[in-house]
């Protein structure tokens, strides 16, 4: 590291003054976020077939049942590459879905979190177990895709409301709209070098080794989070049950 890729050093008084200036912008940003959330709560909603079939650990299950008795549902629509190795699975969905681990605060507010995966249940659930995830996980059979996606694609996130035996979609987003699922990004944004991605507006000389083509979620040929599971000896073979270490990559929802 050289002097060119470090912030300038100033007195604590100057440093605090600079932060105070930025803080005013941060507070305005927070207030605008609050206003957007207020507008989101005032959106209309559209009805969804509550009997739309899904597949879970106990077989076929209708959409309404995955609310688990709660009135709200947040769904992460997880992309899948049929027949591919674990290393070739969606690095973006792995990044975002895998960071939602503590669900009790959602449950306290009557919200169920669930993953609806594009892939077949047995294969994709093996992926869930390999990754060490314990959130509710379901497969979306082909006949249910259009009922739920309505021309959109896996990788999106959607919110639903249950009113008795009827189900409504209240909100959906994709792309950078899903970033609240990833606290890693929020933490990185507070650090001096940020996300270290090529699109960021950073001073000259700041490290930016990551492109936004999926590379930012991968390390040595597989989604970054998989390496801890491999090191711990977890089986990543999704098909025959044999241990696989095949590496590779295929871009998806990044």
Protein backbone atom coordinates (compact mmCIF):
# COMPACT_ATOMS: atom_id res chain seq x y z
CA UNK A 1 0.00 0.00 0.00
CA UNK A 2 1.30 3.44 -0.92
CA UNK A 3 0.52 6.97 0.19
CA UNK A 4 -1.55 7.39 -2.98
CA UNK A 5 -4.20 4.90 -1.89
CA UNK A 6 -4.76 6.11 1.65
CA UNK A 7 -6.93 8.98 2.88
CA UNK A 8 -5.07 12.14 3.96
CA UNK A 9 -4.25 12.41 7.68
CA UNK A 10 -5.72 15.41 9.51
CA UNK A 11 -6.29 16.47 13.10
CA UNK A 12 -9.21 14.91 14.99
CA UNK A 13 -11.03 18.26 14.91
CA UNK A 14 -10.78 18.43 11.10
CA UNK A 15 -11.75 14.78 10.83
CA UNK A 16 -14.88 15.26 12.97
CA UNK A 17 -15.85 18.36 10.97
CA UNK A 18 -15.62 16.35 7.74
CA UNK A 19 -17.78 13.58 9.19
CA UNK A 20 -20.34 16.12 10.43
CA UNK A 21 -20.66 17.49 6.89
CA UNK A 22 -21.20 13.99 5.51
CA UNK A 23 -23.60 13.13 8.35
CA UNK A 24 -26.05 15.79 7.17
CA UNK A 25 -26.19 14.06 3.78
CA UNK A 26 -26.54 10.64 5.44
CA UNK A 27 -29.50 11.85 7.50
CA UNK A 28 -31.17 13.29 4.41
CA UNK A 29 -30.63 9.94 2.68
CA UNK A 30 -32.19 8.12 5.64
CA UNK A 31 -35.21 10.44 5.67
CA UNK A 32 -35.71 9.93 1.92
CA UNK A 33 -35.52 6.18 2.49
CA UNK A 34 -38.21 6.51 5.16
CA UNK A 35 -40.39 8.48 2.73
CA UNK A 36 -39.96 5.84 0.03
CA UNK A 37 -40.86 3.09 2.54
CA UNK A 38 -43.98 5.07 3.49
CA UNK A 39 -44.97 5.25 -0.18
CA UNK A 40 -44.31 1.52 -0.52
CA UNK A 41 -46.76 0.86 2.32
CA UNK A 42 -49.40 2.78 0.37
CA UNK A 43 -49.07 0.81 -2.88
CA UNK A 44 -52.07 -1.15 -4.17
CA UNK A 45 -51.79 -4.95 -4.40
CA UNK A 46 -52.70 -7.67 -6.87
CA UNK A 47 -54.22 -11.08 -6.21
CA UNK A 48 -52.26 -14.30 -6.65
CA UNK A 49 -53.67 -17.82 -6.83
CA UNK A 50 -53.24 -19.21 -3.27
CA UNK A 51 -53.35 -22.78 -4.58
CA UNK A 52 -50.26 -22.31 -6.80
CA UNK A 53 -48.36 -25.58 -6.29
CA UNK A 54 -44.84 -25.69 -4.84
CA UNK A 55 -42.68 -28.59 -3.67
CA UNK A 56 -41.18 -28.78 -0.17
CA UNK A 57 -39.58 -31.39 2.03
CA UNK A 58 -42.92 -33.12 2.53
CA UNK A 59 -43.98 -33.00 -1.11
CA UNK A 60 -46.47 -30.76 -2.88
CA UNK A 61 -47.71 -27.72 -0.96
CA UNK A 62 -49.89 -24.75 -2.04
CA UNK A 63 -48.53 -21.21 -1.89
CA UNK A 64 -50.82 -20.22 0.96
CA UNK A 65 -49.36 -22.91 3.24
CA UNK A 66 -45.83 -21.52 3.10
CA UNK A 67 -47.02 -18.46 5.06
CA UNK A 68 -46.81 -20.89 8.02
CA UNK A 69 -49.91 -19.27 9.51
CA UNK A 70 -48.50 -15.73 9.37
CA UNK A 71 -50.13 -12.93 7.39
CA UNK A 72 -47.05 -11.73 5.48
CA UNK A 73 -44.52 -13.54 3.32
CA UNK A 74 -41.16 -12.40 1.91
CA UNK A 75 -39.90 -14.60 -0.92
CA UNK A 76 -36.39 -14.84 -2.34
CA UNK A 77 -36.67 -16.28 -5.86
CA UNK A 78 -33.46 -18.27 -6.21
CA UNK A 79 -32.04 -18.90 -9.70
CA UNK A 80 -30.91 -22.39 -10.61
CA UNK A 81 -28.79 -24.03 -13.32
CA UNK A 82 -30.21 -27.52 -13.91
CA UNK A 83 -27.68 -30.33 -13.92
CA UNK A 84 -24.74 -28.09 -13.03
CA UNK A 85 -22.32 -28.53 -10.16
CA UNK A 86 -22.56 -26.58 -6.94
CA UNK A 87 -19.65 -24.45 -8.13
CA UNK A 88 -21.72 -23.43 -11.17
CA UNK A 89 -24.79 -22.34 -9.24
CA UNK A 90 -25.98 -18.75 -9.02
CA UNK A 91 -23.33 -16.67 -7.25
CA UNK A 92 -25.66 -13.66 -6.88
CA UNK A 93 -28.52 -15.63 -5.33
CA UNK A 94 -26.03 -17.45 -3.10
CA UNK A 95 -24.67 -14.10 -1.93
CA UNK A 96 -28.04 -12.54 -1.14
CA UNK A 97 -30.09 -15.54 0.06
CA UNK A 98 -27.28 -16.86 2.25
CA UNK A 99 -27.08 -13.71 4.35
CA UNK A 100 -30.63 -13.99 5.67
CA UNK A 101 -30.11 -16.29 8.65
CA UNK A 102 -31.85 -14.86 11.76
CA UNK A 103 -35.60 -15.03 11.14
CA UNK A 104 -37.02 -14.49 14.64
CA UNK A 105 -37.36 -10.72 14.21
CA UNK A 106 -39.37 -11.24 11.03
CA UNK A 107 -41.56 -13.82 12.75
CA UNK A 108 -42.14 -11.40 15.64
CA UNK A 109 -43.73 -9.04 13.10
CA UNK A 110 -45.82 -11.77 11.48
CA UNK A 111 -43.54 -12.16 8.42
CA UNK A 112 -42.39 -15.52 7.04
CA UNK A 113 -39.21 -15.68 4.96
CA UNK A 114 -38.97 -18.41 2.33
CA UNK A 115 -36.84 -19.28 -0.68
CA UNK A 116 -38.59 -20.40 -3.87
CA UNK A 117 -35.97 -22.08 -6.03
CA UNK A 118 -36.12 -22.49 -9.78
CA UNK A 119 -34.50 -25.92 -9.57
CA UNK A 120 -35.88 -29.37 -8.72
CA UNK A 121 -36.41 -29.82 -5.01
CA UNK A 122 -34.07 -32.73 -4.29
CA UNK A 123 -31.14 -31.18 -6.11
CA UNK A 124 -31.64 -27.63 -4.88
CA UNK A 125 -32.36 -28.71 -1.31
CA UNK A 126 -29.04 -30.59 -1.36
CA UNK A 127 -27.48 -27.25 -2.26
CA UNK A 128 -29.27 -25.60 0.70
CA UNK A 129 -27.92 -28.26 3.05
CA UNK A 130 -24.41 -28.06 1.56
CA UNK A 131 -24.45 -24.30 2.19
CA UNK A 132 -25.57 -24.82 5.79
CA UNK A 133 -28.77 -22.83 5.36
CA UNK A 134 -31.84 -23.63 7.45
CA UNK A 135 -34.46 -21.25 6.05
CA UNK A 136 -37.72 -22.61 4.56
CA UNK A 137 -36.94 -23.86 1.04
CA UNK A 138 -39.31 -24.82 -1.78
CA UNK A 139 -39.04 -25.67 -5.47
CA UNK A 140 -41.25 -23.98 -8.06
CA UNK A 141 -42.46 -26.51 -10.67
CA UNK A 142 -42.59 -25.28 -14.26
CA UNK A 143 -46.39 -25.02 -14.28
CA UNK A 144 -46.23 -22.49 -11.44
CA UNK A 145 -43.59 -20.18 -12.94
CA UNK A 146 -45.90 -17.85 -14.83
CA UNK A 147 -48.47 -17.71 -12.03
CA UNK A 148 -45.82 -16.29 -9.71
CA UNK A 149 -43.38 -14.55 -12.04
CA UNK A 150 -45.91 -12.97 -14.42
CA UNK A 151 -43.24 -12.20 -17.02
CA UNK A 152 -40.46 -11.49 -14.53
CA UNK A 153 -37.54 -13.76 -13.67
CA UNK A 154 -35.90 -15.65 -10.83
CA UNK A 155 -33.52 -13.48 -8.83
CA UNK A 156 -36.31 -11.11 -7.83
CA UNK A 157 -37.71 -10.69 -4.33
CA UNK A 158 -41.43 -10.33 -3.62
CA UNK A 159 -43.74 -9.59 -0.69
CA UNK A 160 -47.17 -11.09 -0.13
CA UNK A 161 -50.12 -10.53 2.18
CA UNK A 162 -52.59 -13.21 3.25
CA UNK A 163 -56.19 -12.24 3.94
CA UNK A 164 -57.93 -15.37 5.14
CA UNK A 165 -57.72 -17.84 2.25
CA UNK A 166 -56.72 -15.20 -0.33
CA UNK A 167 -53.17 -14.10 -1.23
CA UNK A 168 -51.98 -10.79 -2.66
CA UNK A 169 -48.63 -9.59 -3.96
CA UNK A 170 -47.81 -6.18 -2.46
CA UNK A 171 -44.27 -5.42 -3.74
CA UNK A 172 -41.39 -6.82 -5.77
CA UNK A 173 -37.90 -5.72 -6.74
CA UNK A 174 -34.76 -6.97 -8.43
CA UNK A 175 -31.22 -5.84 -9.31
CA UNK A 176 -29.82 -3.46 -6.71
CA UNK A 177 -33.24 -3.31 -5.08
CA UNK A 178 -32.41 -6.56 -3.25
CA UNK A 179 -29.33 -5.14 -1.50
CA UNK A 180 -31.06 -4.83 1.92
CA UNK A 181 -30.78 -8.64 2.08
CA UNK A 182 -26.97 -8.37 2.17
CA UNK A 183 -25.56 -6.64 5.27
CA UNK A 184 -22.08 -7.31 3.89
CA UNK A 185 -22.64 -4.56 1.34
CA UNK A 186 -23.83 -2.10 3.98
CA UNK A 187 -20.76 -2.85 6.10
CA UNK A 188 -18.41 -2.51 3.13
CA UNK A 189 -20.02 0.82 2.20
CA UNK A 190 -18.90 2.21 5.56
CA UNK A 191 -15.27 1.17 5.06
CA UNK A 192 -12.68 3.38 3.41
CA UNK A 193 -12.31 1.19 0.30
CA UNK A 194 -16.03 0.42 -0.07
CA UNK A 195 -17.12 -2.60 -2.10
CA UNK A 196 -13.95 -2.42 -4.20
CA UNK A 197 -16.03 -2.81 -7.36
CA UNK A 198 -15.13 -1.15 -10.65
CA UNK A 199 -18.31 0.95 -10.91
CA UNK A 200 -17.73 2.81 -7.63
CA UNK A 201 -16.68 6.46 -7.55
CA UNK A 202 -13.48 6.12 -5.51
CA UNK A 203 -10.28 8.17 -5.36
CA UNK A 204 -7.54 7.30 -7.82
CA UNK A 205 -5.46 4.36 -6.61
CA UNK A 206 -8.21 2.80 -4.48
CA UNK A 207 -8.37 -1.01 -4.88
CA UNK A 208 -11.17 -2.03 -7.27
CA UNK A 209 -10.46 -5.60 -8.39
CA UNK A 210 -14.09 -6.73 -8.71
CA UNK A 211 -16.19 -6.44 -11.85
CA UNK A 212 -19.97 -6.65 -11.52
CA UNK A 213 -20.39 -9.62 -13.86
CA UNK A 214 -20.67 -12.19 -11.06
CA UNK A 215 -16.95 -12.04 -10.28
CA UNK A 216 -17.69 -9.95 -7.18
CA UNK A 217 -19.45 -12.96 -5.63
CA UNK A 218 -16.88 -15.61 -6.65
CA UNK A 219 -13.45 -16.76 -5.52
CA UNK A 220 -11.26 -19.32 -7.28
CA UNK A 221 -14.03 -20.63 -9.52
CA UNK A 222 -17.02 -20.93 -7.19
CA UNK A 223 -19.34 -18.71 -5.11
CA UNK A 224 -17.20 -17.30 -2.30
CA UNK A 225 -19.37 -18.60 0.55
CA UNK A 226 -18.89 -22.19 -0.63
CA UNK A 227 -15.23 -22.30 0.38
CA UNK A 228 -15.99 -22.40 4.10
CA UNK A 229 -18.29 -25.37 3.49
CA UNK A 230 -15.67 -27.17 1.39
CA UNK A 231 -13.03 -26.55 4.06
CA UNK A 232 -15.39 -27.99 6.68
CA UNK A 233 -15.73 -31.16 4.58
CA UNK A 234 -19.33 -30.71 3.45
CA UNK A 235 -20.45 -32.68 0.39
CA UNK A 236 -21.07 -30.39 -2.59
CA UNK A 237 -22.16 -33.06 -5.09
CA UNK A 238 -25.79 -32.35 -5.99
CA UNK A 239 -26.44 -35.43 -8.11
CA UNK A 240 -24.73 -38.72 -7.27
CA UNK A 241 -23.90 -38.07 -3.63
CA UNK A 242 -20.16 -38.28 -4.34
CA UNK A 243 -17.94 -35.44 -3.20
CA UNK A 244 -17.23 -33.02 -6.05
CA UNK A 245 -14.70 -30.23 -6.33
CA UNK A 246 -15.38 -29.29 -9.94
CA UNK A 247 -14.90 -25.55 -10.33
CA UNK A 248 -16.32 -23.22 -12.89
CA UNK A 249 -18.66 -20.30 -13.27
CA UNK A 250 -21.81 -19.13 -14.97
CA UNK A 251 -23.08 -15.60 -14.56
CA UNK A 252 -26.62 -15.05 -13.42
CA UNK A 253 -28.43 -12.44 -11.36
CA UNK A 254 -25.48 -10.24 -10.36
